[in-house]
Amino acid sequence: MTQEEKRIMLAKYAFSQIPDQKWVLVKLLPDYFNDLNAVHELEKVLTKEQREEYAMVLVHHISGGGLATVDGYTNYDDACDVITVTAALRAEVLGITLNLWT
C-alpha cells in the first residue's frame, strides 16, 4: 500500500470518527505522514484501549522490537523516545493499531 493510499485510509477513518470536523477532504487531504498536528487530531479520537495498543506498538517500533506492557515500558529510554516519534511513524502505527493495514 502506498503512503498516499494510507493517507486516504486515515482520512476516511477520521471522517467516520469526527463528523463535524472542519477538514475539507476534496481540497486538502491531511498530510498525516508529515504533519504532527494532523496526526495528533487522530490520536485524540482513540479509545482508552486503542491508546494503550497504540503506545505499545510505538514502543515496539522504536525499541527495535522490544516488548512493552500496558502498565509501563520495558525501558526508560524507549519511553522517553516516544515524545520525539515522527509524524510518519505515528501515522504508520495508527494505521496498524486501527487495523487499516498490516
PDB file of N, CA and C in Angstrom:
ATOM      1  N   MET A   1       0.849  -1.169   0.000  1.00  0.00           N
ATOM      2  CA  MET A   1       0.000   0.000   0.000  1.00  0.00           C
ATOM      3  C   MET A   1       0.899   1.239   0.000  1.00  0.00           C
ATOM      4  N   THR A   2       0.608   2.188  -0.855  1.00  0.00           N
ATOM      5  CA  THR A   2       1.429   3.393  -0.920  1.00  0.00           C
ATOM      6  C   THR A   2       1.094   4.325   0.241  1.00  0.00           C
ATOM      7  N   GLN A   3       1.986   5.285   0.481  1.00  0.00           N
ATOM      8  CA  GLN A   3       1.747   6.247   1.548  1.00  0.00           C
ATOM      9  C   GLN A   3       0.491   7.080   1.248  1.00  0.00           C
ATOM     10  N   GLU A   4       0.271   7.425  -0.007  1.00  0.00           N
ATOM     11  CA  GLU A   4      -0.924   8.190  -0.375  1.00  0.00           C
ATOM     12  C   GLU A   4      -2.202   7.389  -0.093  1.00  0.00           C
ATOM     13  N   GLU A   5      -2.185   6.102  -0.385  1.00  0.00           N
ATOM     14  CA  GLU A   5      -3.338   5.246  -0.078  1.00  0.00           C
ATOM     15  C   GLU A   5      -3.567   5.172   1.430  1.00  0.00           C
ATOM     16  N   LYS A   6      -2.481   5.134   2.187  1.00  0.00           N
ATOM     17  CA  LYS A   6      -2.593   5.113   3.640  1.00  0.00           C
ATOM     18  C   LYS A   6      -3.158   6.430   4.160  1.00  0.00           C
ATOM     19  N   ARG A   7      -2.740   7.559   3.573  1.00  0.00           N
ATOM     20  CA  ARG A   7      -3.289   8.864   3.969  1.00  0.00           C
ATOM     21  C   ARG A   7      -4.801   8.882   3.761  1.00  0.00           C
ATOM     22  N   ILE A   8      -5.250   8.328   2.657  1.00  0.00           N
ATOM     23  CA  ILE A   8      -6.680   8.295   2.362  1.00  0.00           C
ATOM     24  C   ILE A   8      -7.414   7.432   3.383  1.00  0.00           C
ATOM     25  N   MET A   9      -6.838   6.284   3.723  1.00  0.00           N
ATOM     26  CA  MET A   9      -7.462   5.401   4.722  1.00  0.00           C
ATOM     27  C   MET A   9      -7.576   6.113   6.075  1.00  0.00           C
ATOM     28  N   LEU A  10      -6.514   6.825   6.478  1.00  0.00           N
ATOM     29  CA  LEU A  10      -6.553   7.551   7.745  1.00  0.00           C
ATOM     30  C   LEU A  10      -7.594   8.671   7.698  1.00  0.00           C
ATOM     31  N   ALA A  11      -7.686   9.367   6.571  1.00  0.00           N
ATOM     32  CA  ALA A  11      -8.674  10.446   6.432  1.00  0.00           C
ATOM     33  C   ALA A  11     -10.092   9.889   6.511  1.00  0.00           C
ATOM     34  N   LYS A  12     -10.329   8.758   5.858  1.00  0.00           N
ATOM     35  CA  LYS A  12     -11.655   8.133   5.924  1.00  0.00           C
ATOM     36  C   LYS A  12     -11.993   7.763   7.362  1.00  0.00           C
ATOM     37  N   TYR A  13     -11.022   7.235   8.089  1.00  0.00           N
ATOM     38  CA  TYR A  13     -11.253   6.902   9.495  1.00  0.00           C
ATOM     39  C   TYR A  13     -11.579   8.173  10.276  1.00  0.00           C
ATOM     40  N   ALA A  14     -10.800   9.229  10.066  1.00  0.00           N
ATOM     41  CA  ALA A  14     -11.027  10.482  10.784  1.00  0.00           C
ATOM     42  C   ALA A  14     -12.432  11.005  10.528  1.00  0.00           C
ATOM     43  N   PHE A  15     -12.858  10.979   9.278  1.00  0.00           N
ATOM     44  CA  PHE A  15     -14.196  11.474   8.949  1.00  0.00           C
ATOM     45  C   PHE A  15     -15.281  10.618   9.591  1.00  0.00           C
ATOM     46  N   SER A  16     -15.025   9.334   9.770  1.00  0.00           N
ATOM     47  CA  SER A  16     -16.027   8.474  10.403  1.00  0.00           C
ATOM     48  C   SER A  16     -16.111   8.722  11.904  1.00  0.00           C
ATOM     49  N   GLN A  17     -15.039   9.241  12.506  1.00  0.00           N
ATOM     50  CA  GLN A  17     -14.994   9.463  13.950  1.00  0.00           C
ATOM     51  C   GLN A  17     -15.333  10.894  14.353  1.00  0.00           C
ATOM     52  N   ILE A  18     -15.088  11.847  13.455  1.00  0.00           N
ATOM     53  CA  ILE A  18     -15.278  13.262  13.768  1.00  0.00           C
ATOM     54  C   ILE A  18     -16.164  13.877  12.694  1.00  0.00           C
ATOM     55  N   PRO A  19     -17.470  13.613  12.718  1.00  0.00           N
ATOM     56  CA  PRO A  19     -18.331  14.074  11.631  1.00  0.00           C
ATOM     57  C   PRO A  19     -18.435  15.588  11.501  1.00  0.00           C
ATOM     58  N   ASP A  20     -18.177  16.332  12.566  1.00  0.00           N
ATOM     59  CA  ASP A  20     -18.301  17.781  12.491  1.00  0.00           C
ATOM     60  C   ASP A  20     -16.962  18.491  12.319  1.00  0.00           C
ATOM     61  N   GLN A  21     -15.901  17.728  12.050  1.00  0.00           N
ATOM     62  CA  GLN A  21     -14.598  18.358  11.925  1.00  0.00           C
ATOM     63  C   GLN A  21     -14.547  19.242  10.687  1.00  0.00           C
ATOM     64  N   LYS A  22     -13.578  20.120  10.631  1.00  0.00           N
ATOM     65  CA  LYS A  22     -13.551  21.184   9.640  1.00  0.00           C
ATOM     66  C   LYS A  22     -12.665  20.899   8.426  1.00  0.00           C
ATOM     67  N   TRP A  23     -12.035  19.728   8.343  1.00  0.00           N
ATOM     68  CA  TRP A  23     -11.184  19.439   7.196  1.00  0.00           C
ATOM     69  C   TRP A  23     -12.016  19.371   5.927  1.00  0.00           C
ATOM     70  N   VAL A  24     -11.458  19.829   4.839  1.00  0.00           N
ATOM     71  CA  VAL A  24     -12.125  19.748   3.542  1.00  0.00           C
ATOM     72  C   VAL A  24     -11.348  18.730   2.711  1.00  0.00           C
ATOM     73  N   LEU A  25     -11.870  17.519   2.662  1.00  0.00           N
ATOM     74  CA  LEU A  25     -11.146  16.406   2.050  1.00  0.00           C
ATOM     75  C   LEU A  25     -10.855  16.644   0.574  1.00  0.00           C
ATOM     76  N   VAL A  26     -11.808  17.193  -0.155  1.00  0.00           N
ATOM     77  CA  VAL A  26     -11.589  17.354  -1.589  1.00  0.00           C
ATOM     78  C   VAL A  26     -10.539  18.415  -1.899  1.00  0.00           C
ATOM     79  N   LYS A  27     -10.333  19.367  -1.018  1.00  0.00           N
ATOM     80  CA  LYS A  27      -9.349  20.417  -1.262  1.00  0.00           C
ATOM     81  C   LYS A  27      -7.988  20.090  -0.654  1.00  0.00           C
ATOM     82  N   LEU A  28      -8.007  19.488   0.526  1.00  0.00           N
ATOM     83  CA  LEU A  28      -6.747  19.236   1.216  1.00  0.00           C
ATOM     84  C   LEU A  28      -6.852  17.972   2.054  1.00  0.00           C
ATOM     85  N   LEU A  29      -6.158  16.959   1.633  1.00  0.00           N
ATOM     86  CA  LEU A  29      -6.089  15.729   2.409  1.00  0.00           C
ATOM     87  C   LEU A  29      -5.022  15.934   3.483  1.00  0.00           C
ATOM     88  N   PRO A  30      -5.369  15.766   4.751  1.00  0.00           N
ATOM     89  CA  PRO A  30      -4.362  15.962   5.804  1.00  0.00           C
ATOM     90  C   PRO A  30      -3.116  15.114   5.533  1.00  0.00           C
ATOM     91  N   ASP A  31      -1.972  15.723   5.732  1.00  0.00           N
ATOM     92  CA  ASP A  31      -0.695  15.051   5.461  1.00  0.00           C
ATOM     93  C   ASP A  31      -0.207  14.369   6.734  1.00  0.00           C
ATOM     94  N   TYR A  32      -0.879  13.292   7.104  1.00  0.00           N
ATOM     95  CA  TYR A  32      -0.598  12.607   8.361  1.00  0.00           C
ATOM     96  C   TYR A  32       0.856  12.166   8.487  1.00  0.00           C
ATOM     97  N   PHE A  33       1.501  11.869   7.388  1.00  0.00           N
ATOM     98  CA  PHE A  33       2.866  11.345   7.437  1.00  0.00           C
ATOM     99  C   PHE A  33       3.929  12.431   7.581  1.00  0.00           C
ATOM    100  N   ASN A  34       3.525  13.702   7.474  1.00  0.00           N
ATOM    101  CA  ASN A  34       4.484  14.805   7.599  1.00  0.00           C
ATOM    102  C   ASN A  34       4.034  15.902   8.553  1.00  0.00           C
ATOM    103  N   ASP A  35       2.817  15.838   9.061  1.00  0.00           N
ATOM    104  CA  ASP A  35       2.259  16.910   9.880  1.00  0.00           C
ATOM    105  C   ASP A  35       1.856  16.360  11.253  1.00  0.00           C
ATOM    106  N   LEU A  36       2.637  16.709  12.269  1.00  0.00           N
ATOM    107  CA  LEU A  36       2.345  16.230  13.623  1.00  0.00           C
ATOM    108  C   LEU A  36       0.977  16.698  14.111  1.00  0.00           C
ATOM    109  N   ASN A  37       0.555  17.895  13.725  1.00  0.00           N
ATOM    110  CA  ASN A  37      -0.761  18.389  14.144  1.00  0.00           C
ATOM    111  C   ASN A  37      -1.874  17.525  13.573  1.00  0.00           C
ATOM    112  N   ALA A  38      -1.758  17.146  12.312  1.00  0.00           N
ATOM    113  CA  ALA A  38      -2.794  16.322  11.670  1.00  0.00           C
ATOM    114  C   ALA A  38      -2.872  14.952  12.336  1.00  0.00           C
ATOM    115  N   VAL A  39      -1.720  14.333  12.565  1.00  0.00           N
ATOM    116  CA  VAL A  39      -1.730  13.002  13.175  1.00  0.00           C
ATOM    117  C   VAL A  39      -2.203  13.085  14.630  1.00  0.00           C
ATOM    118  N   HIS A  40      -1.917  14.192  15.303  1.00  0.00           N
ATOM    119  CA  HIS A  40      -2.375  14.357  16.683  1.00  0.00           C
ATOM    120  C   HIS A  40      -3.904  14.419  16.752  1.00  0.00           C
ATOM    121  N   GLU A  41      -4.538  15.006  15.755  1.00  0.00           N
ATOM    122  CA  GLU A  41      -6.002  15.035  15.728  1.00  0.00           C
ATOM    123  C   GLU A  41      -6.568  13.617  15.702  1.00  0.00           C
ATOM    124  N   LEU A  42      -5.892  12.717  15.006  1.00  0.00           N
ATOM    125  CA  LEU A  42      -6.330  11.313  15.005  1.00  0.00           C
ATOM    126  C   LEU A  42      -6.066  10.651  16.350  1.00  0.00           C
ATOM    127  N   GLU A  43      -4.938  10.968  16.955  1.00  0.00           N
ATOM    128  CA  GLU A  43      -4.622  10.380  18.258  1.00  0.00           C
ATOM    129  C   GLU A  43      -5.686  10.739  19.293  1.00  0.00           C
ATOM    130  N   LYS A  44      -6.260  11.924  19.186  1.00  0.00           N
ATOM    131  CA  LYS A  44      -7.238  12.382  20.170  1.00  0.00           C
ATOM    132  C   LYS A  44      -8.552  11.607  20.135  1.00  0.00           C
ATOM    133  N   VAL A  45      -8.857  10.921  19.042  1.00  0.00           N
ATOM    134  CA  VAL A  45     -10.130  10.196  18.964  1.00  0.00           C
ATOM    135  C   VAL A  45     -10.004   8.718  19.353  1.00  0.00           C
ATOM    136  N   LEU A  46      -8.798   8.280  19.702  1.00  0.00           N
ATOM    137  CA  LEU A  46      -8.614   6.889  20.097  1.00  0.00           C
ATOM    138  C   LEU A  46      -9.306   6.607  21.423  1.00  0.00           C
ATOM    139  N   THR A  47      -9.870   5.420  21.533  1.00  0.00           N
ATOM    140  CA  THR A  47     -10.417   4.982  22.810  1.00  0.00           C
ATOM    141  C   THR A  47      -9.261   4.660  23.760  1.00  0.00           C
ATOM    142  N   LYS A  48      -9.569   4.448  25.026  1.00  0.00           N
ATOM    143  CA  LYS A  48      -8.533   4.094  26.001  1.00  0.00           C
ATOM    144  C   LYS A  48      -7.792   2.827  25.563  1.00  0.00           C
ATOM    145  N   GLU A  49      -8.539   1.837  25.122  1.00  0.00           N
ATOM    146  CA  GLU A  49      -7.922   0.582  24.689  1.00  0.00           C
ATOM    147  C   GLU A  49      -7.050   0.804  23.450  1.00  0.00           C
ATOM    148  N   GLN A  50      -7.534   1.620  22.512  1.00  0.00           N
ATOM    149  CA  GLN A  50      -6.748   1.914  21.316  1.00  0.00           C
ATOM    150  C   GLN A  50      -5.483   2.684  21.669  1.00  0.00           C
ATOM    151  N   ARG A  51      -5.570   3.621  22.629  1.00  0.00           N
ATOM    152  CA  ARG A  51      -4.380   4.375  23.052  1.00  0.00           C
ATOM    153  C   ARG A  51      -3.343   3.445  23.665  1.00  0.00           C
ATOM    154  N   GLU A  52      -3.795   2.484  24.470  1.00  0.00           N
ATOM    155  CA  GLU A  52      -2.861   1.533  25.074  1.00  0.00           C
ATOM    156  C   GLU A  52      -2.171   0.701  23.998  1.00  0.00           C
ATOM    157  N   GLU A  53      -2.948   0.211  23.045  1.00  0.00           N
ATOM    158  CA  GLU A  53      -2.373  -0.572  21.940  1.00  0.00           C
ATOM    159  C   GLU A  53      -1.414   0.285  21.115  1.00  0.00           C
ATOM    160  N   TYR A  54      -1.824   1.497  20.821  1.00  0.00           N
ATOM    161  CA  TYR A  54      -1.007   2.435  20.046  1.00  0.00           C
ATOM    162  C   TYR A  54       0.336   2.678  20.746  1.00  0.00           C
ATOM    163  N   ALA A  55       0.293   2.924  22.047  1.00  0.00           N
ATOM    164  CA  ALA A  55       1.524   3.153  22.806  1.00  0.00           C
ATOM    165  C   ALA A  55       2.429   1.927  22.769  1.00  0.00           C
ATOM    166  N   MET A  56       1.849   0.748  22.925  1.00  0.00           N
ATOM    167  CA  MET A  56       2.659  -0.472  22.898  1.00  0.00           C
ATOM    168  C   MET A  56       3.307  -0.687  21.533  1.00  0.00           C
ATOM    169  N   VAL A  57       2.552  -0.450  20.469  1.00  0.00           N
ATOM    170  CA  VAL A  57       3.107  -0.643  19.122  1.00  0.00           C
ATOM    171  C   VAL A  57       4.187   0.408  18.834  1.00  0.00           C
ATOM    172  N   LEU A  58       3.978   1.653  19.277  1.00  0.00           N
ATOM    173  CA  LEU A  58       5.012   2.684  19.108  1.00  0.00           C
ATOM    174  C   LEU A  58       6.305   2.273  19.797  1.00  0.00           C
ATOM    175  N   VAL A  59       6.202   1.874  21.051  1.00  0.00           N
ATOM    176  CA  VAL A  59       7.399   1.472  21.797  1.00  0.00           C
ATOM    177  C   VAL A  59       8.049   0.265  21.131  1.00  0.00           C
ATOM    178  N   HIS A  60       7.239  -0.670  20.667  1.00  0.00           N
ATOM    179  CA  HIS A  60       7.775  -1.844  19.976  1.00  0.00           C
ATOM    180  C   HIS A  60       8.613  -1.406  18.770  1.00  0.00           C
ATOM    181  N   HIS A  61       8.117  -0.457  17.995  1.00  0.00           N
ATOM    182  CA  HIS A  61       8.842   0.002  16.803  1.00  0.00           C
ATOM    183  C   HIS A  61      10.112   0.766  17.152  1.00  0.00           C
ATOM    184  N   ILE A  62      10.036   1.662  18.135  1.00  0.00           N
ATOM    185  CA  ILE A  62      11.222   2.470  18.435  1.00  0.00           C
ATOM    186  C   ILE A  62      12.272   1.700  19.215  1.00  0.00           C
ATOM    187  N   SER A  63      11.883   0.583  19.832  1.00  0.00           N
ATOM    188  CA  SER A  63      12.853  -0.196  20.606  1.00  0.00           C
ATOM    189  C   SER A  63      13.457  -1.329  19.787  1.00  0.00           C
ATOM    190  N   GLY A  64      13.144  -1.350  18.505  1.00  0.00           N
ATOM    191  CA  GLY A  64      13.695  -2.410  17.664  1.00  0.00           C
ATOM    192  C   GLY A  64      13.047  -3.751  17.917  1.00  0.00           C
ATOM    193  N   GLY A  65      11.794  -3.735  18.316  1.00  0.00           N
ATOM    194  CA  GLY A  65      11.081  -4.990  18.516  1.00  0.00           C
ATOM    195  C   GLY A  65      10.975  -5.432  19.955  1.00  0.00           C
ATOM    196  N   GLY A  66      11.397  -4.566  20.888  1.00  0.00           N
ATOM    197  CA  GLY A  66      11.285  -4.914  22.299  1.00  0.00           C
ATOM    198  C   GLY A  66       9.832  -4.966  22.736  1.00  0.00           C
ATOM    199  N   LEU A  67       9.590  -5.579  23.848  1.00  0.00           N
ATOM    200  CA  LEU A  67       8.230  -5.728  24.346  1.00  0.00           C
ATOM    201  C   LEU A  67       7.849  -4.546  25.223  1.00  0.00           C
ATOM    202  N   ALA A  68       6.596  -4.143  25.139  1.00  0.00           N
ATOM    203  CA  ALA A  68       6.062  -3.106  26.010  1.00  0.00           C
ATOM    204  C   ALA A  68       4.853  -3.678  26.723  1.00  0.00           C
ATOM    205  N   THR A  69       4.512  -3.079  27.838  1.00  0.00           N
ATOM    206  CA  THR A  69       3.319  -3.512  28.564  1.00  0.00           C
ATOM    207  C   THR A  69       2.380  -2.332  28.725  1.00  0.00           C
ATOM    208  N   VAL A  70       1.130  -2.612  28.996  1.00  0.00           N
ATOM    209  CA  VAL A  70       0.155  -1.546  29.196  1.00  0.00           C
ATOM    210  C   VAL A  70       0.513  -0.722  30.425  1.00  0.00           C
ATOM    211  N   ASP A  71       1.022  -1.376  31.463  1.00  0.00           N
ATOM    212  CA  ASP A  71       1.306  -0.686  32.727  1.00  0.00           C
ATOM    213  C   ASP A  71       2.595   0.115  32.708  1.00  0.00           C
ATOM    214  N   GLY A  72       3.451  -0.123  31.752  1.00  0.00           N
ATOM    215  CA  GLY A  72       4.707   0.608  31.712  1.00  0.00           C
ATOM    216  C   GLY A  72       5.555   0.156  30.550  1.00  0.00           C
ATOM    217  N   TYR A  73       6.625   0.834  30.359  1.00  0.00           N
ATOM    218  CA  TYR A  73       7.539   0.482  29.274  1.00  0.00           C
ATOM    219  C   TYR A  73       8.646  -0.397  29.819  1.00  0.00           C
ATOM    220  N   THR A  74       9.219  -1.198  28.950  1.00  0.00           N
ATOM    221  CA  THR A  74      10.285  -2.090  29.380  1.00  0.00           C
ATOM    222  C   THR A  74      11.581  -1.341  29.607  1.00  0.00           C
ATOM    223  N   ASN A  75      11.687  -0.140  29.073  1.00  0.00           N
ATOM    224  CA  ASN A  75      12.950   0.581  29.102  1.00  0.00           C
ATOM    225  C   ASN A  75      12.646   2.078  29.181  1.00  0.00           C
ATOM    226  N   TYR A  76      13.265   2.772  30.124  1.00  0.00           N
ATOM    227  CA  TYR A  76      13.022   4.209  30.295  1.00  0.00           C
ATOM    228  C   TYR A  76      13.384   4.988  29.035  1.00  0.00           C
ATOM    229  N   ASP A  77      14.472   4.626  28.373  1.00  0.00           N
ATOM    230  CA  ASP A  77      14.880   5.329  27.156  1.00  0.00           C
ATOM    231  C   ASP A  77      13.818   5.207  26.073  1.00  0.00           C
ATOM    232  N   ASP A  78      13.218   4.031  25.941  1.00  0.00           N
ATOM    233  CA  ASP A  78      12.149   3.851  24.951  1.00  0.00           C
ATOM    234  C   ASP A  78      10.965   4.743  25.273  1.00  0.00           C
ATOM    235  N   ALA A  79      10.624   4.842  26.559  1.00  0.00           N
ATOM    236  CA  ALA A  79       9.503   5.688  26.956  1.00  0.00           C
ATOM    237  C   ALA A  79       9.796   7.146  26.613  1.00  0.00           C
ATOM    238  N   CYS A  80      11.013   7.583  26.845  1.00  0.00           N
ATOM    239  CA  CYS A  80      11.389   8.965  26.522  1.00  0.00           C
ATOM    240  C   CYS A  80      11.397   9.197  25.016  1.00  0.00           C
ATOM    241  N   ASP A  81      11.790   8.201  24.245  1.00  0.00           N
ATOM    242  CA  ASP A  81      11.839   8.343  22.792  1.00  0.00           C
ATOM    243  C   ASP A  81      10.461   8.532  22.176  1.00  0.00           C
ATOM    244  N   VAL A  82       9.410   8.107  22.861  1.00  0.00           N
ATOM    245  CA  VAL A  82       8.055   8.250  22.326  1.00  0.00           C
ATOM    246  C   VAL A  82       7.739   9.713  22.041  1.00  0.00           C
ATOM    247  N   ILE A  83       8.234  10.638  22.839  1.00  0.00           N
ATOM    248  CA  ILE A  83       7.884  12.044  22.640  1.00  0.00           C
ATOM    249  C   ILE A  83       8.504  12.638  21.386  1.00  0.00           C
ATOM    250  N   THR A  84       9.494  11.974  20.806  1.00  0.00           N
ATOM    251  CA  THR A  84      10.125  12.504  19.599  1.00  0.00           C
ATOM    252  C   THR A  84       9.801  11.686  18.346  1.00  0.00           C
ATOM    253  N   VAL A  85       8.830  10.818  18.427  1.00  0.00           N
ATOM    254  CA  VAL A  85       8.457   9.989  17.275  1.00  0.00           C
ATOM    255  C   VAL A  85       7.932  10.883  16.165  1.00  0.00           C
ATOM    256  N   THR A  86       8.373  10.625  14.956  1.00  0.00           N
ATOM    257  CA  THR A  86       7.982  11.426  13.800  1.00  0.00           C
ATOM    258  C   THR A  86       6.516  11.243  13.450  1.00  0.00           C
ATOM    259  N   ALA A  87       5.998  12.187  12.707  1.00  0.00           N
ATOM    260  CA  ALA A  87       4.615  12.086  12.213  1.00  0.00           C
ATOM    261  C   ALA A  87       4.465  10.838  11.354  1.00  0.00           C
ATOM    262  N   ALA A  88       5.476  10.525  10.555  1.00  0.00           N
ATOM    263  CA  ALA A  88       5.398   9.358   9.673  1.00  0.00           C
ATOM    264  C   ALA A  88       5.232   8.068  10.469  1.00  0.00           C
ATOM    265  N   LEU A  89       6.023   7.906  11.521  1.00  0.00           N
ATOM    266  CA  LEU A  89       5.904   6.680  12.326  1.00  0.00           C
ATOM    267  C   LEU A  89       4.590   6.665  13.092  1.00  0.00           C
ATOM    268  N   ARG A  90       4.167   7.805  13.622  1.00  0.00           N
ATOM    269  CA  ARG A  90       2.884   7.867  14.317  1.00  0.00           C
ATOM    270  C   ARG A  90       1.741   7.468  13.387  1.00  0.00           C
ATOM    271  N   ALA A  91       1.746   8.001  12.161  1.00  0.00           N
ATOM    272  CA  ALA A  91       0.687   7.686  11.196  1.00  0.00           C
ATOM    273  C   ALA A  91       0.714   6.208  10.839  1.00  0.00           C
ATOM    274  N   GLU A  92       1.898   5.672  10.628  1.00  0.00           N
ATOM    275  CA  GLU A  92       2.025   4.249  10.293  1.00  0.00           C
ATOM    276  C   GLU A  92       1.472   3.381  11.414  1.00  0.00           C
ATOM    277  N   VAL A  93       1.853   3.684  12.645  1.00  0.00           N
ATOM    278  CA  VAL A  93       1.421   2.905  13.800  1.00  0.00           C
ATOM    279  C   VAL A  93      -0.083   3.090  14.053  1.00  0.00           C
ATOM    280  N   LEU A  94      -0.609   4.280  13.803  1.00  0.00           N
ATOM    281  CA  LEU A  94      -2.054   4.477  13.936  1.00  0.00           C
ATOM    282  C   LEU A  94      -2.813   3.573  12.973  1.00  0.00           C
ATOM    283  N   GLY A  95      -2.341   3.500  11.732  1.00  0.00           N
ATOM    284  CA  GLY A  95      -2.994   2.617  10.760  1.00  0.00           C
ATOM    285  C   GLY A  95      -2.960   1.175  11.186  1.00  0.00           C
ATOM    286  N   ILE A  96      -1.840   0.745  11.752  1.00  0.00           N
ATOM    287  CA  ILE A  96      -1.713  -0.625  12.246  1.00  0.00           C
ATOM    288  C   ILE A  96      -2.653  -0.842  13.443  1.00  0.00           C
ATOM    289  N   THR A  97      -2.642   0.105  14.380  1.00  0.00           N
ATOM    290  CA  THR A  97      -3.481  -0.002  15.569  1.00  0.00           C
ATOM    291  C   THR A  97      -4.957  -0.050  15.223  1.00  0.00           C
ATOM    292  N   LEU A  98      -5.363   0.704  14.214  1.00  0.00           N
ATOM    293  CA  LEU A  98      -6.770   0.759  13.811  1.00  0.00           C
ATOM    294  C   LEU A  98      -7.140  -0.314  12.808  1.00  0.00           C
ATOM    295  N   ASN A  99      -6.190  -1.217  12.539  1.00  0.00           N
ATOM    296  CA  ASN A  99      -6.409  -2.305  11.574  1.00  0.00           C
ATOM    297  C   ASN A  99      -6.783  -1.801  10.186  1.00  0.00           C
ATOM    298  N   LEU A 100      -6.202  -0.660   9.807  1.00  0.00           N
ATOM    299  CA  LEU A 100      -6.437  -0.138   8.466  1.00  0.00           C
ATOM    300  C   LEU A 100      -5.483  -0.783   7.460  1.00  0.00           C
ATOM    301  N   TRP A 101      -4.345  -1.272   7.950  1.00  0.00           N
ATOM    302  CA  TRP A 101      -3.390  -2.032   7.165  1.00  0.00           C
ATOM    303  C   TRP A 101      -2.517  -2.824   8.128  1.00  0.00           C
ATOM    304  N   THR A 102      -1.693  -3.724   7.583  1.00  0.00           N
ATOM    305  CA  THR A 102      -0.833  -4.560   8.440  1.00  0.00           C
ATOM    306  C   THR A 102       0.614  -4.130   8.328  1.00  0.00           C
TER     307      THR A 102
END
